[in-house]
C-alpha atoms as a PDB file:
ATOM      1  CA  UNK A   1      81.430 -43.840 172.212  1.00  0.00           C
ATOM      2  CA  UNK A   2      77.957 -45.335 172.028  1.00  0.00           C
ATOM      3  CA  UNK A   3      76.773 -48.870 171.534  1.00  0.00           C
ATOM      4  CA  UNK A   4      78.252 -51.201 168.910  1.00  0.00           C
ATOM      5  CA  UNK A   5      76.494 -54.262 167.476  1.00  0.00           C
ATOM      6  CA  UNK A   6      78.028 -56.598 164.882  1.00  0.00           C
ATOM      7  CA  UNK A   7      76.148 -59.362 163.094  1.00  0.00           C
ATOM      8  CA  UNK A   8      78.041 -61.792 160.864  1.00  0.00           C
ATOM      9  CA  UNK A   9      76.531 -64.302 158.462  1.00  0.00           C
ATOM     10  CA  UNK A  10      78.291 -67.243 156.842  1.00  0.00           C
ATOM     11  CA  UNK A  11      76.737 -68.475 153.571  1.00  0.00           C
ATOM     12  CA  UNK A  12      74.787 -71.725 153.596  1.00  0.00           C
ATOM     13  CA  UNK A  13      77.029 -74.706 152.902  1.00  0.00           C
ATOM     14  CA  UNK A  14      80.096 -73.142 154.541  1.00  0.00           C
ATOM     15  CA  UNK A  15      81.273 -73.604 158.125  1.00  0.00           C
ATOM     16  CA  UNK A  16      82.495 -71.268 160.847  1.00  0.00           C
ATOM     17  CA  UNK A  17      85.977 -72.812 160.664  1.00  0.00           C
ATOM     18  CA  UNK A  18      86.300 -72.746 156.874  1.00  0.00           C
ATOM     19  CA  UNK A  19      84.366 -70.004 155.098  1.00  0.00           C
ATOM     20  CA  UNK A  20      85.208 -68.206 151.868  1.00  0.00           C
ATOM     21  CA  UNK A  21      82.726 -65.343 152.249  1.00  0.00           C
ATOM     22  CA  UNK A  22      81.475 -63.543 155.319  1.00  0.00           C
ATOM     23  CA  UNK A  23      78.750 -60.918 155.443  1.00  0.00           C
ATOM     24  CA  UNK A  24      78.888 -58.457 158.314  1.00  0.00           C
ATOM     25  CA  UNK A  25      76.568 -55.720 159.487  1.00  0.00           C
ATOM     26  CA  UNK A  26      77.987 -53.244 161.987  1.00  0.00           C
ATOM     27  CA  UNK A  27      75.807 -50.725 163.787  1.00  0.00           C
ATOM     28  CA  UNK A  28      77.374 -47.946 165.826  1.00  0.00           C
ATOM     29  CA  UNK A  29      76.050 -44.870 167.550  1.00  0.00           C
ATOM     30  CA  UNK A  30      77.850 -41.831 168.871  1.00  0.00           C
ATOM     31  CA  UNK A  31      80.543 -41.744 166.182  1.00  0.00           C
ATOM     32  CA  UNK A  32      82.081 -38.284 165.824  1.00  0.00           C
ATOM     33  CA  UNK A  33      83.366 -38.786 162.262  1.00  0.00           C
ATOM     34  CA  UNK A  34      82.206 -37.720 158.848  1.00  0.00           C
ATOM     35  CA  UNK A  35      80.906 -40.450 156.538  1.00  0.00           C
ATOM     36  CA  UNK A  36      84.030 -40.703 154.349  1.00  0.00           C
ATOM     37  CA  UNK A  37      86.386 -40.763 157.339  1.00  0.00           C
ATOM     38  CA  UNK A  38      84.270 -43.422 159.087  1.00  0.00           C
ATOM     39  CA  UNK A  39      84.108 -45.669 156.002  1.00  0.00           C
ATOM     40  CA  UNK A  40      87.861 -45.296 155.401  1.00  0.00           C
ATOM     41  CA  UNK A  41      88.671 -46.318 158.985  1.00  0.00           C
ATOM     42  CA  UNK A  42      86.215 -49.218 158.875  1.00  0.00           C
ATOM     43  CA  UNK A  43      87.674 -50.521 155.607  1.00  0.00           C
ATOM     44  CA  UNK A  44      91.198 -50.255 157.010  1.00  0.00           C
ATOM     45  CA  UNK A  45      90.246 -52.469 159.967  1.00  0.00           C
ATOM     46  CA  UNK A  46      88.878 -55.241 157.753  1.00  0.00           C
ATOM     47  CA  UNK A  47      91.613 -54.983 155.124  1.00  0.00           C
ATOM     48  CA  UNK A  48      94.336 -55.206 157.771  1.00  0.00           C
ATOM     49  CA  UNK A  49      92.638 -58.188 159.439  1.00  0.00           C
ATOM     50  CA  UNK A  50      92.464 -60.016 156.103  1.00  0.00           C
ATOM     51  CA  UNK A  51      95.916 -58.821 154.979  1.00  0.00           C
ATOM     52  CA  UNK A  52      94.438 -57.226 151.854  1.00  0.00           C
ATOM     53  CA  UNK A  53      95.209 -53.996 150.062  1.00  0.00           C
ATOM     54  CA  UNK A  54      93.106 -51.778 147.832  1.00  0.00           C
ATOM     55  CA  UNK A  55      94.231 -49.034 145.514  1.00  0.00           C
ATOM     56  CA  UNK A  56      91.336 -46.650 145.853  1.00  0.00           C
ATOM     57  CA  UNK A  57      87.967 -46.168 147.509  1.00  0.00           C
ATOM     58  CA  UNK A  58      85.433 -43.932 145.819  1.00  0.00           C
ATOM     59  CA  UNK A  59      82.247 -42.386 147.119  1.00  0.00           C
ATOM     60  CA  UNK A  60      79.127 -41.663 145.101  1.00  0.00           C
ATOM     61  CA  UNK A  61      77.169 -38.526 145.916  1.00  0.00           C
ATOM     62  CA  UNK A  62      73.443 -39.111 145.943  1.00  0.00           C
ATOM     63  CA  UNK A  63      70.814 -36.527 145.156  1.00  0.00           C
ATOM     64  CA  UNK A  64      68.178 -35.375 147.634  1.00  0.00           C
ATOM     65  CA  UNK A  65      65.595 -37.857 146.323  1.00  0.00           C
ATOM     66  CA  UNK A  66      67.835 -40.918 146.502  1.00  0.00           C
END
């Protein structure tokens, strides 16, 4: 596995101890997974941590010029 960097931002007006929204950016290198498998595993980590469930995750295929 390569390097992993995570940056998390809490919206202005909220505190580290009591936030309602959190924005995270995760950069990884050396991942030997396809895009859909990687996103599914990443979502599972966050959903389990927040004790949330989702019914379905969909992926949108983009054209060559997108």
